Amino acid sequence: MNVLRNLFGPKSKYDNSIPYTYEARILVVEEGSEIWNSYFSATICGLIEYLNENNIKPEDVQLFEIYQKQEFPINTEFCLTPDGQWLFRPDICRSFRKHYKGHIEEGKCAFKDRDRKGCGP
């Protein structure tokens, strides 16, 4: 089974009802031009952890859920504590339960087969 997973990736990546990956975009202005740095992770919790490890503040970020053929902005408030700090597991999971109804429940997560590493820019 590990051979198949290594070849095809996590099974959840083929579930079209949940995002394929997550992206954080940060605007960088260089000599009058707008340039965006992008950070990625296969899970929202992994992306938030990576942003925090790299000292990227919530107010500097635009978050997106990326599906196979489209992308949607994520309301950053899903990812924040009441005082505006990043939310981490398991609190971020609880925050996203309504957003991904049926995929994140107590003791069950459709994203558990994915690597939580982040990367970028």
PDB file of N, CA and C in Angstrom:
ATOM      1  N   MET A   1       0.813  -1.191   0.000  1.00  0.00           N
ATOM      2  CA  MET A   1       0.000   0.000   0.000  1.00  0.00           C
ATOM      3  C   MET A   1       0.863   1.264   0.000  1.00  0.00           C
ATOM      4  N   ASN A   2       2.005   1.232   0.700  1.00  0.00           N
ATOM      5  CA  ASN A   2       2.890   2.392   0.705  1.00  0.00           C
ATOM      6  C   ASN A   2       3.436   2.690  -0.681  1.00  0.00           C
ATOM      7  N   VAL A   3       3.649   1.653  -1.487  1.00  0.00           N
ATOM      8  CA  VAL A   3       4.134   1.847  -2.849  1.00  0.00           C
ATOM      9  C   VAL A   3       3.109   2.639  -3.649  1.00  0.00           C
ATOM     10  N   LEU A   4       1.833   2.279  -3.527  1.00  0.00           N
ATOM     11  CA  LEU A   4       0.778   3.007  -4.238  1.00  0.00           C
ATOM     12  C   LEU A   4       0.670   4.446  -3.754  1.00  0.00           C
ATOM     13  N   ARG A   5       0.763   4.635  -2.448  1.00  0.00           N
ATOM     14  CA  ARG A   5       0.676   6.003  -1.922  1.00  0.00           C
ATOM     15  C   ARG A   5       1.850   6.841  -2.422  1.00  0.00           C
ATOM     16  N   ASN A   6       3.044   6.262  -2.444  1.00  0.00           N
ATOM     17  CA  ASN A   6       4.202   6.994  -2.947  1.00  0.00           C
ATOM     18  C   ASN A   6       4.054   7.322  -4.425  1.00  0.00           C
ATOM     19  N   LEU A   7       3.433   6.440  -5.165  1.00  0.00           N
ATOM     20  CA  LEU A   7       3.255   6.641  -6.595  1.00  0.00           C
ATOM     21  C   LEU A   7       2.150   7.647  -6.899  1.00  0.00           C
ATOM     22  N   PHE A   8       1.000   7.516  -6.232  1.00  0.00           N
ATOM     23  CA  PHE A   8      -0.166   8.339  -6.548  1.00  0.00           C
ATOM     24  C   PHE A   8      -0.430   9.462  -5.554  1.00  0.00           C
ATOM     25  N   GLY A   9       0.237   9.460  -4.415  1.00  0.00           N
ATOM     26  CA  GLY A   9       0.002  10.475  -3.395  1.00  0.00           C
ATOM     27  C   GLY A   9      -1.152  10.087  -2.497  1.00  0.00           C
ATOM     28  N   PRO A  10      -1.474  10.937  -1.536  1.00  0.00           N
ATOM     29  CA  PRO A  10      -2.547  10.638  -0.591  1.00  0.00           C
ATOM     30  C   PRO A  10      -3.899  10.491  -1.283  1.00  0.00           C
ATOM     31  N   LYS A  11      -4.692   9.559  -0.804  1.00  0.00           N
ATOM     32  CA  LYS A  11      -6.022   9.312  -1.367  1.00  0.00           C
ATOM     33  C   LYS A  11      -6.891  10.572  -1.326  1.00  0.00           C
ATOM     34  N   SER A  12      -6.754  11.357  -0.266  1.00  0.00           N
ATOM     35  CA  SER A  12      -7.594  12.549  -0.128  1.00  0.00           C
ATOM     36  C   SER A  12      -7.331  13.590  -1.218  1.00  0.00           C
ATOM     37  N   LYS A  13      -6.188  13.531  -1.875  1.00  0.00           N
ATOM     38  CA  LYS A  13      -5.898  14.475  -2.962  1.00  0.00           C
ATOM     39  C   LYS A  13      -6.831  14.265  -4.159  1.00  0.00           C
ATOM     40  N   TYR A  14      -7.490  13.114  -4.224  1.00  0.00           N
ATOM     41  CA  TYR A  14      -8.404  12.808  -5.326  1.00  0.00           C
ATOM     42  C   TYR A  14      -9.856  13.079  -4.954  1.00  0.00           C
ATOM     43  N   ASP A  15     -10.089  13.562  -3.742  1.00  0.00           N
ATOM     44  CA  ASP A  15     -11.433  13.907  -3.280  1.00  0.00           C
ATOM     45  C   ASP A  15     -11.721  15.335  -3.732  1.00  0.00           C
ATOM     46  N   ASN A  16     -12.563  15.490  -4.748  1.00  0.00           N
ATOM     47  CA  ASN A  16     -12.841  16.807  -5.313  1.00  0.00           C
ATOM     48  C   ASN A  16     -13.678  17.704  -4.412  1.00  0.00           C
ATOM     49  N   SER A  17     -14.168  17.169  -3.299  1.00  0.00           N
ATOM     50  CA  SER A  17     -14.992  17.983  -2.404  1.00  0.00           C
ATOM     51  C   SER A  17     -14.154  18.746  -1.371  1.00  0.00           C
ATOM     52  N   ILE A  18     -12.858  18.484  -1.322  1.00  0.00           N
ATOM     53  CA  ILE A  18     -11.966  19.220  -0.420  1.00  0.00           C
ATOM     54  C   ILE A  18     -10.781  19.757  -1.229  1.00  0.00           C
ATOM     55  N   PRO A  19     -10.132  20.803  -0.741  1.00  0.00           N
ATOM     56  CA  PRO A  19      -9.024  21.399  -1.493  1.00  0.00           C
ATOM     57  C   PRO A  19      -7.873  20.430  -1.736  1.00  0.00           C
ATOM     58  N   TYR A  20      -7.227  20.629  -2.881  1.00  0.00           N
ATOM     59  CA  TYR A  20      -6.049  19.861  -3.255  1.00  0.00           C
ATOM     60  C   TYR A  20      -4.844  20.337  -2.444  1.00  0.00           C
ATOM     61  N   THR A  21      -4.752  21.662  -2.273  1.00  0.00           N
ATOM     62  CA  THR A  21      -3.671  22.267  -1.495  1.00  0.00           C
ATOM     63  C   THR A  21      -4.130  23.624  -0.987  1.00  0.00           C
ATOM     64  N   TYR A  22      -3.298  24.246  -0.180  1.00  0.00           N
ATOM     65  CA  TYR A  22      -3.590  25.567   0.377  1.00  0.00           C
ATOM     66  C   TYR A  22      -2.442  26.501   0.046  1.00  0.00           C
ATOM     67  N   GLU A  23      -2.788  27.767  -0.188  1.00  0.00           N
ATOM     68  CA  GLU A  23      -1.778  28.755  -0.544  1.00  0.00           C
ATOM     69  C   GLU A  23      -1.966  30.017   0.292  1.00  0.00           C
ATOM     70  N   ALA A  24      -0.860  30.593   0.721  1.00  0.00           N
ATOM     71  CA  ALA A  24      -0.847  31.906   1.362  1.00  0.00           C
ATOM     72  C   ALA A  24      -0.075  32.837   0.437  1.00  0.00           C
ATOM     73  N   ARG A  25      -0.661  33.985   0.146  1.00  0.00           N
ATOM     74  CA  ARG A  25      -0.002  34.971  -0.710  1.00  0.00           C
ATOM     75  C   ARG A  25       0.313  36.214   0.108  1.00  0.00           C
ATOM     76  N   ILE A  26       1.526  36.692  -0.090  1.00  0.00           N
ATOM     77  CA  ILE A  26       1.982  37.881   0.619  1.00  0.00           C
ATOM     78  C   ILE A  26       2.486  38.877  -0.419  1.00  0.00           C
ATOM     79  N   LEU A  27       1.939  40.074  -0.371  1.00  0.00           N
ATOM     80  CA  LEU A  27       2.310  41.117  -1.320  1.00  0.00           C
ATOM     81  C   LEU A  27       3.672  41.692  -0.965  1.00  0.00           C
ATOM     82  N   VAL A  28       4.540  41.730  -1.975  1.00  0.00           N
ATOM     83  CA  VAL A  28       5.860  42.328  -1.837  1.00  0.00           C
ATOM     84  C   VAL A  28       5.947  43.406  -2.911  1.00  0.00           C
ATOM     85  N   VAL A  29       6.244  44.616  -2.520  1.00  0.00           N
ATOM     86  CA  VAL A  29       6.358  45.708  -3.489  1.00  0.00           C
ATOM     87  C   VAL A  29       7.835  45.964  -3.736  1.00  0.00           C
ATOM     88  N   GLU A  30       8.221  45.861  -5.000  1.00  0.00           N
ATOM     89  CA  GLU A  30       9.611  46.106  -5.380  1.00  0.00           C
ATOM     90  C   GLU A  30       9.645  47.106  -6.522  1.00  0.00           C
ATOM     91  N   GLU A  31      10.248  48.260  -6.278  1.00  0.00           N
ATOM     92  CA  GLU A  31      10.426  49.300  -7.297  1.00  0.00           C
ATOM     93  C   GLU A  31       9.145  49.572  -8.074  1.00  0.00           C
ATOM     94  N   GLY A  32       8.056  49.791  -7.363  1.00  0.00           N
ATOM     95  CA  GLY A  32       6.796  50.141  -8.005  1.00  0.00           C
ATOM     96  C   GLY A  32       6.014  48.977  -8.581  1.00  0.00           C
ATOM     97  N   SER A  33       6.520  47.758  -8.498  1.00  0.00           N
ATOM     98  CA  SER A  33       5.811  46.586  -9.017  1.00  0.00           C
ATOM     99  C   SER A  33       5.257  45.765  -7.864  1.00  0.00           C
ATOM    100  N   GLU A  34       4.101  45.172  -8.106  1.00  0.00           N
ATOM    101  CA  GLU A  34       3.536  44.252  -7.124  1.00  0.00           C
ATOM    102  C   GLU A  34       3.988  42.837  -7.450  1.00  0.00           C
ATOM    103  N   ILE A  35       4.590  42.202  -6.481  1.00  0.00           N
ATOM    104  CA  ILE A  35       5.019  40.811  -6.617  1.00  0.00           C
ATOM    105  C   ILE A  35       4.437  40.061  -5.431  1.00  0.00           C
ATOM    106  N   TRP A  36       3.983  38.851  -5.678  1.00  0.00           N
ATOM    107  CA  TRP A  36       3.403  38.035  -4.612  1.00  0.00           C
ATOM    108  C   TRP A  36       4.332  36.879  -4.290  1.00  0.00           C
ATOM    109  N   ASN A  37       4.638  36.699  -3.021  1.00  0.00           N
ATOM    110  CA  ASN A  37       5.319  35.493  -2.559  1.00  0.00           C
ATOM    111  C   ASN A  37       4.241  34.502  -2.163  1.00  0.00           C
ATOM    112  N   SER A  38       4.405  33.253  -2.550  1.00  0.00           N
ATOM    113  CA  SER A  38       3.424  32.220  -2.223  1.00  0.00           C
ATOM    114  C   SER A  38       4.042  31.149  -1.344  1.00  0.00           C
ATOM    115  N   TYR A  39       3.235  30.688  -0.398  1.00  0.00           N
ATOM    116  CA  TYR A  39       3.595  29.602   0.511  1.00  0.00           C
ATOM    117  C   TYR A  39       2.526  28.530   0.359  1.00  0.00           C
ATOM    118  N   PHE A  40       2.914  27.264   0.440  1.00  0.00           N
ATOM    119  CA  PHE A  40       1.981  26.164   0.195  1.00  0.00           C
ATOM    120  C   PHE A  40       2.068  25.086   1.267  1.00  0.00           C
ATOM    121  N   SER A  41       0.960  24.383   1.437  1.00  0.00           N
ATOM    122  CA  SER A  41       0.917  23.164   2.238  1.00  0.00           C
ATOM    123  C   SER A  41      -0.311  22.372   1.806  1.00  0.00           C
ATOM    124  N   ALA A  42      -0.254  21.066   1.983  1.00  0.00           N
ATOM    125  CA  ALA A  42      -1.385  20.201   1.626  1.00  0.00           C
ATOM    126  C   ALA A  42      -2.518  20.298   2.639  1.00  0.00           C
ATOM    127  N   THR A  43      -2.255  20.909   3.801  1.00  0.00           N
ATOM    128  CA  THR A  43      -3.290  21.086   4.823  1.00  0.00           C
ATOM    129  C   THR A  43      -3.286  22.530   5.305  1.00  0.00           C
ATOM    130  N   ILE A  44      -4.440  23.006   5.730  1.00  0.00           N
ATOM    131  CA  ILE A  44      -4.503  24.369   6.265  1.00  0.00           C
ATOM    132  C   ILE A  44      -3.721  24.461   7.570  1.00  0.00           C
ATOM    133  N   CYS A  45      -3.779  23.410   8.398  1.00  0.00           N
ATOM    134  CA  CYS A  45      -3.037  23.457   9.666  1.00  0.00           C
ATOM    135  C   CYS A  45      -1.533  23.498   9.398  1.00  0.00           C
ATOM    136  N   GLY A  46      -1.066  22.761   8.399  1.00  0.00           N
ATOM    137  CA  GLY A  46       0.348  22.784   8.041  1.00  0.00           C
ATOM    138  C   GLY A  46       0.782  24.138   7.509  1.00  0.00           C
ATOM    139  N   LEU A  47      -0.075  24.764   6.714  1.00  0.00           N
ATOM    140  CA  LEU A  47       0.249  26.084   6.172  1.00  0.00           C
ATOM    141  C   LEU A  47       0.350  27.117   7.293  1.00  0.00           C
ATOM    142  N   ILE A  48      -0.601  27.100   8.203  1.00  0.00           N
ATOM    143  CA  ILE A  48      -0.589  28.054   9.310  1.00  0.00           C
ATOM    144  C   ILE A  48       0.644  27.836  10.193  1.00  0.00           C
ATOM    145  N   GLU A  49       0.991  26.586  10.466  1.00  0.00           N
ATOM    146  CA  GLU A  49       2.194  26.298  11.253  1.00  0.00           C
ATOM    147  C   GLU A  49       3.439  26.845  10.554  1.00  0.00           C
ATOM    148  N   TYR A  50       3.508  26.655   9.237  1.00  0.00           N
ATOM    149  CA  TYR A  50       4.659  27.124   8.465  1.00  0.00           C
ATOM    150  C   TYR A  50       4.743  28.651   8.478  1.00  0.00           C
ATOM    151  N   LEU A  51       3.603  29.307   8.310  1.00  0.00           N
ATOM    152  CA  LEU A  51       3.592  30.771   8.343  1.00  0.00           C
ATOM    153  C   LEU A  51       4.069  31.276   9.706  1.00  0.00           C
ATOM    154  N   ASN A  52       3.588  30.660  10.758  1.00  0.00           N
ATOM    155  CA  ASN A  52       3.989  31.061  12.106  1.00  0.00           C
ATOM    156  C   ASN A  52       5.489  30.840  12.326  1.00  0.00           C
ATOM    157  N   GLU A  53       6.007  29.691  11.894  1.00  0.00           N
ATOM    158  CA  GLU A  53       7.438  29.392  12.043  1.00  0.00           C
ATOM    159  C   GLU A  53       8.306  30.407  11.304  1.00  0.00           C
ATOM    160  N   ASN A  54       7.754  30.981  10.236  1.00  0.00           N
ATOM    161  CA  ASN A  54       8.492  31.957   9.438  1.00  0.00           C
ATOM    162  C   ASN A  54       8.121  33.398   9.789  1.00  0.00           C
ATOM    163  N   ASN A  55       7.483  33.568  10.954  1.00  0.00           N
ATOM    164  CA  ASN A  55       7.132  34.898  11.478  1.00  0.00           C
ATOM    165  C   ASN A  55       6.292  35.733  10.518  1.00  0.00           C
ATOM    166  N   ILE A  56       5.389  35.079   9.816  1.00  0.00           N
ATOM    167  CA  ILE A  56       4.482  35.776   8.910  1.00  0.00           C
ATOM    168  C   ILE A  56       3.182  36.037   9.656  1.00  0.00           C
ATOM    169  N   LYS A  57       2.804  37.287   9.712  1.00  0.00           N
ATOM    170  CA  LYS A  57       1.651  37.712  10.500  1.00  0.00           C
ATOM    171  C   LYS A  57       0.353  37.568   9.707  1.00  0.00           C
ATOM    172  N   PRO A  58      -0.732  37.267  10.397  1.00  0.00           N
ATOM    173  CA  PRO A  58      -2.031  37.098   9.729  1.00  0.00           C
ATOM    174  C   PRO A  58      -2.450  38.299   8.886  1.00  0.00           C
ATOM    175  N   GLU A  59      -2.154  39.499   9.349  1.00  0.00           N
ATOM    176  CA  GLU A  59      -2.588  40.693   8.611  1.00  0.00           C
ATOM    177  C   GLU A  59      -1.829  40.892   7.301  1.00  0.00           C
ATOM    178  N   ASP A  60      -0.743  40.160   7.092  1.00  0.00           N
ATOM    179  CA  ASP A  60       0.055  40.283   5.869  1.00  0.00           C
ATOM    180  C   ASP A  60      -0.310  39.251   4.804  1.00  0.00           C
ATOM    181  N   VAL A  61      -1.287  38.386   5.090  1.00  0.00           N
ATOM    182  CA  VAL A  61      -1.530  37.191   4.271  1.00  0.00           C
ATOM    183  C   VAL A  61      -2.925  37.179   3.652  1.00  0.00           C
ATOM    184  N   GLN A  62      -2.990  36.659   2.432  1.00  0.00           N
ATOM    185  CA  GLN A  62      -4.261  36.268   1.823  1.00  0.00           C
ATOM    186  C   GLN A  62      -4.199  34.753   1.667  1.00  0.00           C
ATOM    187  N   LEU A  63      -5.208  34.049   2.175  1.00  0.00           N
ATOM    188  CA  LEU A  63      -5.235  32.587   2.132  1.00  0.00           C
ATOM    189  C   LEU A  63      -6.191  32.097   1.055  1.00  0.00           C
ATOM    190  N   PHE A  64      -5.815  30.968   0.416  1.00  0.00           N
ATOM    191  CA  PHE A  64      -6.640  30.379  -0.636  1.00  0.00           C
ATOM    192  C   PHE A  64      -6.688  28.868  -0.483  1.00  0.00           C
ATOM    193  N   GLU A  65      -7.851  28.298  -0.775  1.00  0.00           N
ATOM    194  CA  GLU A  65      -7.969  26.852  -0.905  1.00  0.00           C
ATOM    195  C   GLU A  65      -7.960  26.577  -2.397  1.00  0.00           C
ATOM    196  N   ILE A  66      -7.099  25.657  -2.810  1.00  0.00           N
ATOM    197  CA  ILE A  66      -6.896  25.363  -4.225  1.00  0.00           C
ATOM    198  C   ILE A  66      -7.495  23.995  -4.532  1.00  0.00           C
ATOM    199  N   TYR A  67      -8.471  23.994  -5.418  1.00  0.00           N
ATOM    200  CA  TYR A  67      -9.079  22.753  -5.901  1.00  0.00           C
ATOM    201  C   TYR A  67      -8.444  22.414  -7.245  1.00  0.00           C
ATOM    202  N   GLN A  68      -8.811  21.286  -7.821  1.00  0.00           N
ATOM    203  CA  GLN A  68      -8.194  20.844  -9.076  1.00  0.00           C
ATOM    204  C   GLN A  68      -8.273  21.911 -10.175  1.00  0.00           C
ATOM    205  N   LYS A  69      -9.416  22.601 -10.303  1.00  0.00           N
ATOM    206  CA  LYS A  69      -9.571  23.535 -11.419  1.00  0.00           C
ATOM    207  C   LYS A  69      -9.976  24.941 -10.995  1.00  0.00           C
ATOM    208  N   GLN A  70      -9.979  25.218  -9.707  1.00  0.00           N
ATOM    209  CA  GLN A  70     -10.361  26.550  -9.249  1.00  0.00           C
ATOM    210  C   GLN A  70      -9.779  26.829  -7.874  1.00  0.00           C
ATOM    211  N   GLU A  71      -9.837  28.078  -7.489  1.00  0.00           N
ATOM    212  CA  GLU A  71      -9.351  28.470  -6.169  1.00  0.00           C
ATOM    213  C   GLU A  71     -10.359  29.424  -5.542  1.00  0.00           C
ATOM    214  N   PHE A  72     -10.384  29.416  -4.213  1.00  0.00           N
ATOM    215  CA  PHE A  72     -11.296  30.270  -3.471  1.00  0.00           C
ATOM    216  C   PHE A  72     -10.546  30.911  -2.316  1.00  0.00           C
ATOM    217  N   PRO A  73     -10.826  32.184  -2.044  1.00  0.00           N
ATOM    218  CA  PRO A  73     -10.212  32.797  -0.869  1.00  0.00           C
ATOM    219  C   PRO A  73     -10.782  32.188   0.405  1.00  0.00           C
ATOM    220  N   ILE A  74      -9.966  32.134   1.430  1.00  0.00           N
ATOM    221  CA  ILE A  74     -10.387  31.651   2.748  1.00  0.00           C
ATOM    222  C   ILE A  74     -10.514  32.868   3.657  1.00  0.00           C
ATOM    223  N   ASN A  75     -11.602  32.931   4.374  1.00  0.00           N
ATOM    224  CA  ASN A  75     -11.761  33.976   5.372  1.00  0.00           C
ATOM    225  C   ASN A  75     -10.723  33.726   6.469  1.00  0.00           C
ATOM    226  N   THR A  76      -9.774  34.613   6.601  1.00  0.00           N
ATOM    227  CA  THR A  76      -8.679  34.437   7.551  1.00  0.00           C
ATOM    228  C   THR A  76      -9.179  34.288   8.985  1.00  0.00           C
ATOM    229  N   GLU A  77     -10.365  34.802   9.269  1.00  0.00           N
ATOM    230  CA  GLU A  77     -10.907  34.701  10.629  1.00  0.00           C
ATOM    231  C   GLU A  77     -11.061  33.252  11.084  1.00  0.00           C
ATOM    232  N   PHE A  78     -11.251  32.303  10.139  1.00  0.00           N
ATOM    233  CA  PHE A  78     -11.312  30.879  10.490  1.00  0.00           C
ATOM    234  C   PHE A  78     -10.011  30.413  11.149  1.00  0.00           C
ATOM    235  N   CYS A  79      -8.915  31.121  10.870  1.00  0.00           N
ATOM    236  CA  CYS A  79      -7.576  30.694  11.274  1.00  0.00           C
ATOM    237  C   CYS A  79      -7.009  31.479  12.447  1.00  0.00           C
ATOM    238  N   LEU A  80      -7.839  32.320  13.078  1.00  0.00           N
ATOM    239  CA  LEU A  80      -7.328  33.219  14.108  1.00  0.00           C
ATOM    240  C   LEU A  80      -8.002  33.035  15.458  1.00  0.00           C
ATOM    241  N   THR A  81      -7.231  33.315  16.497  1.00  0.00           N
ATOM    242  CA  THR A  81      -7.777  33.370  17.853  1.00  0.00           C
ATOM    243  C   THR A  81      -8.560  34.679  17.989  1.00  0.00           C
ATOM    244  N   PRO A  82      -9.345  34.831  19.047  1.00  0.00           N
ATOM    245  CA  PRO A  82     -10.079  36.091  19.237  1.00  0.00           C
ATOM    246  C   PRO A  82      -9.175  37.331  19.284  1.00  0.00           C
ATOM    247  N   ASP A  83      -7.911  37.160  19.700  1.00  0.00           N
ATOM    248  CA  ASP A  83      -7.004  38.315  19.740  1.00  0.00           C
ATOM    249  C   ASP A  83      -6.148  38.450  18.476  1.00  0.00           C
ATOM    250  N   GLY A  84      -6.521  37.735  17.395  1.00  0.00           N
ATOM    251  CA  GLY A  84      -5.880  37.919  16.098  1.00  0.00           C
ATOM    252  C   GLY A  84      -4.589  37.164  15.864  1.00  0.00           C
ATOM    253  N   GLN A  85      -4.300  36.148  16.669  1.00  0.00           N
ATOM    254  CA  GLN A  85      -3.103  35.318  16.484  1.00  0.00           C
ATOM    255  C   GLN A  85      -3.485  34.047  15.712  1.00  0.00           C
ATOM    256  N   TRP A  86      -2.483  33.405  15.106  1.00  0.00           N
ATOM    257  CA  TRP A  86      -2.748  32.159  14.381  1.00  0.00           C
ATOM    258  C   TRP A  86      -3.332  31.105  15.319  1.00  0.00           C
ATOM    259  N   LEU A  87      -4.256  30.326  14.794  1.00  0.00           N
ATOM    260  CA  LEU A  87      -4.867  29.207  15.510  1.00  0.00           C
ATOM    261  C   LEU A  87      -4.138  27.936  15.096  1.00  0.00           C
ATOM    262  N   PHE A  88      -3.908  27.018  16.024  1.00  0.00           N
ATOM    263  CA  PHE A  88      -3.195  25.777  15.724  1.00  0.00           C
ATOM    264  C   PHE A  88      -4.074  24.576  16.029  1.00  0.00           C
ATOM    265  N   ARG A  89      -3.604  23.391  15.605  1.00  0.00           N
ATOM    266  CA  ARG A  89      -4.326  22.150  15.876  1.00  0.00           C
ATOM    267  C   ARG A  89      -4.427  21.929  17.378  1.00  0.00           C
ATOM    268  N   PRO A  90      -5.498  21.427  17.869  1.00  0.00           N
ATOM    269  CA  PRO A  90      -6.742  21.016  17.217  1.00  0.00           C
ATOM    270  C   PRO A  90      -7.760  22.149  17.081  1.00  0.00           C
ATOM    271  N   ASP A  91      -7.420  23.352  17.574  1.00  0.00           N
ATOM    272  CA  ASP A  91      -8.378  24.461  17.528  1.00  0.00           C
ATOM    273  C   ASP A  91      -8.738  24.872  16.104  1.00  0.00           C
ATOM    274  N   ILE A  92      -7.762  24.862  15.201  1.00  0.00           N
ATOM    275  CA  ILE A  92      -8.070  25.231  13.820  1.00  0.00           C
ATOM    276  C   ILE A  92      -8.988  24.183  13.180  1.00  0.00           C
ATOM    277  N   CYS A  93      -8.836  22.929  13.581  1.00  0.00           N
ATOM    278  CA  CYS A  93      -9.719  21.863  13.081  1.00  0.00           C
ATOM    279  C   CYS A  93     -11.161  22.152  13.490  1.00  0.00           C
ATOM    280  N   ARG A  94     -11.340  22.518  14.744  1.00  0.00           N
ATOM    281  CA  ARG A  94     -12.686  22.848  15.234  1.00  0.00           C
ATOM    282  C   ARG A  94     -13.256  24.041  14.476  1.00  0.00           C
ATOM    283  N   SER A  95     -12.418  25.003  14.186  1.00  0.00           N
ATOM    284  CA  SER A  95     -12.856  26.198  13.473  1.00  0.00           C
ATOM    285  C   SER A  95     -13.339  25.868  12.062  1.00  0.00           C
ATOM    286  N   PHE A  96     -12.702  24.886  11.420  1.00  0.00           N
ATOM    287  CA  PHE A  96     -13.041  24.539  10.037  1.00  0.00           C
ATOM    288  C   PHE A  96     -14.127  23.465   9.922  1.00  0.00           C
ATOM    289  N   ARG A  97     -14.632  22.948  11.024  1.00  0.00           N
ATOM    290  CA  ARG A  97     -15.648  21.878  10.964  1.00  0.00           C
ATOM    291  C   ARG A  97     -16.861  22.265  10.145  1.00  0.00           C
ATOM    292  N   LYS A  98     -17.368  23.458  10.352  1.00  0.00           N
ATOM    293  CA  LYS A  98     -18.557  23.896   9.606  1.00  0.00           C
ATOM    294  C   LYS A  98     -18.222  24.119   8.139  1.00  0.00           C
ATOM    295  N   HIS A  99     -17.030  24.601   7.869  1.00  0.00           N
ATOM    296  CA  HIS A  99     -16.608  24.893   6.496  1.00  0.00           C
ATOM    297  C   HIS A  99     -16.444  23.609   5.672  1.00  0.00           C
ATOM    298  N   TYR A 100     -15.888  22.576   6.281  1.00  0.00           N
ATOM    299  CA  TYR A 100     -15.685  21.289   5.610  1.00  0.00           C
ATOM    300  C   TYR A 100     -16.565  20.236   6.258  1.00  0.00           C
ATOM    301  N   LYS A 101     -17.846  20.484   6.285  1.00  0.00           N
ATOM    302  CA  LYS A 101     -18.803  19.600   6.943  1.00  0.00           C
ATOM    303  C   LYS A 101     -18.646  18.160   6.444  1.00  0.00           C
ATOM    304  N   GLY A 102     -18.521  17.227   7.396  1.00  0.00           N
ATOM    305  CA  GLY A 102     -18.379  15.815   7.063  1.00  0.00           C
ATOM    306  C   GLY A 102     -16.949  15.358   6.845  1.00  0.00           C
ATOM    307  N   HIS A 103     -16.024  16.294   6.755  1.00  0.00           N
ATOM    308  CA  HIS A 103     -14.621  15.930   6.529  1.00  0.00           C
ATOM    309  C   HIS A 103     -13.769  16.091   7.777  1.00  0.00           C
ATOM    310  N   ILE A 104     -14.202  16.952   8.674  1.00  0.00           N
ATOM    311  CA  ILE A 104     -13.477  17.152   9.928  1.00  0.00           C
ATOM    312  C   ILE A 104     -14.481  16.995  11.057  1.00  0.00           C
ATOM    313  N   GLU A 105     -14.404  15.891  11.731  1.00  0.00           N
ATOM    314  CA  GLU A 105     -15.277  15.604  12.876  1.00  0.00           C
ATOM    315  C   GLU A 105     -14.387  15.148  14.021  1.00  0.00           C
ATOM    316  N   GLU A 106     -14.947  15.077  15.209  1.00  0.00           N
ATOM    317  CA  GLU A 106     -14.171  14.627  16.372  1.00  0.00           C
ATOM    318  C   GLU A 106     -13.583  13.244  16.082  1.00  0.00           C
ATOM    319  N   GLY A 107     -12.267  13.134  16.100  1.00  0.00           N
ATOM    320  CA  GLY A 107     -11.594  11.860  15.871  1.00  0.00           C
ATOM    321  C   GLY A 107     -11.506  11.439  14.414  1.00  0.00           C
ATOM    322  N   LYS A 108     -11.941  12.291  13.477  1.00  0.00           N
ATOM    323  CA  LYS A 108     -11.924  11.945  12.052  1.00  0.00           C
ATOM    324  C   LYS A 108     -11.511  13.179  11.248  1.00  0.00           C
ATOM    325  N   CYS A 109     -10.569  12.998  10.349  1.00  0.00           N
ATOM    326  CA  CYS A 109     -10.139  14.109   9.503  1.00  0.00           C
ATOM    327  C   CYS A 109      -9.809  13.572   8.116  1.00  0.00           C
ATOM    328  N   ALA A 110     -10.453  14.115   7.097  1.00  0.00           N
ATOM    329  CA  ALA A 110     -10.218  13.674   5.721  1.00  0.00           C
ATOM    330  C   ALA A 110      -8.823  14.048   5.224  1.00  0.00           C
ATOM    331  N   PHE A 111      -8.119  14.892   5.960  1.00  0.00           N
ATOM    332  CA  PHE A 111      -6.794  15.353   5.555  1.00  0.00           C
ATOM    333  C   PHE A 111      -5.661  14.600   6.248  1.00  0.00           C
ATOM    334  N   LYS A 112      -5.991  13.617   7.101  1.00  0.00           N
ATOM    335  CA  LYS A 112      -4.963  12.978   7.937  1.00  0.00           C
ATOM    336  C   LYS A 112      -3.919  12.198   7.143  1.00  0.00           C
ATOM    337  N   ASP A 113      -4.216  11.838   5.903  1.00  0.00           N
ATOM    338  CA  ASP A 113      -3.230  11.104   5.102  1.00  0.00           C
ATOM    339  C   ASP A 113      -2.222  12.033   4.413  1.00  0.00           C
ATOM    340  N   ARG A 114      -2.361  13.319   4.608  1.00  0.00           N
ATOM    341  CA  ARG A 114      -1.488  14.284   3.940  1.00  0.00           C
ATOM    342  C   ARG A 114      -0.333  14.726   4.833  1.00  0.00           C
ATOM    343  N   ASP A 115       0.742  15.087   4.175  1.00  0.00           N
ATOM    344  CA  ASP A 115       1.899  15.661   4.850  1.00  0.00           C
ATOM    345  C   ASP A 115       1.553  17.099   5.240  1.00  0.00           C
ATOM    346  N   ARG A 116       1.964  17.523   6.421  1.00  0.00           N
ATOM    347  CA  ARG A 116       1.645  18.872   6.880  1.00  0.00           C
ATOM    348  C   ARG A 116       2.802  19.850   6.674  1.00  0.00           C
ATOM    349  N   LYS A 117       3.808  19.471   5.944  1.00  0.00           N
ATOM    350  CA  LYS A 117       4.944  20.365   5.714  1.00  0.00           C
ATOM    351  C   LYS A 117       4.514  21.549   4.856  1.00  0.00           C
ATOM    352  N   GLY A 118       5.135  22.683   5.123  1.00  0.00           N
ATOM    353  CA  GLY A 118       4.905  23.866   4.310  1.00  0.00           C
ATOM    354  C   GLY A 118       6.132  24.172   3.476  1.00  0.00           C
ATOM    355  N   CYS A 119       5.957  24.990   2.451  1.00  0.00           N
ATOM    356  CA  CYS A 119       7.089  25.406   1.629  1.00  0.00           C
ATOM    357  C   CYS A 119       6.819  26.785   1.038  1.00  0.00           C
ATOM    358  N   GLY A 120       7.876  27.446   0.652  1.00  0.00           N
ATOM    359  CA  GLY A 120       7.761  28.708  -0.045  1.00  0.00           C
ATOM    360  C   GLY A 120       8.642  29.763   0.601  1.00  0.00           C
ATOM    361  N   PRO A 121       8.789  30.870  -0.026  1.00  0.00           N
ATOM    362  CA  PRO A 121       8.527  31.175  -1.433  1.00  0.00           C
ATOM    363  C   PRO A 121       9.603  30.617  -2.329  1.00  0.00           C
TER     364      PRO A 121
END
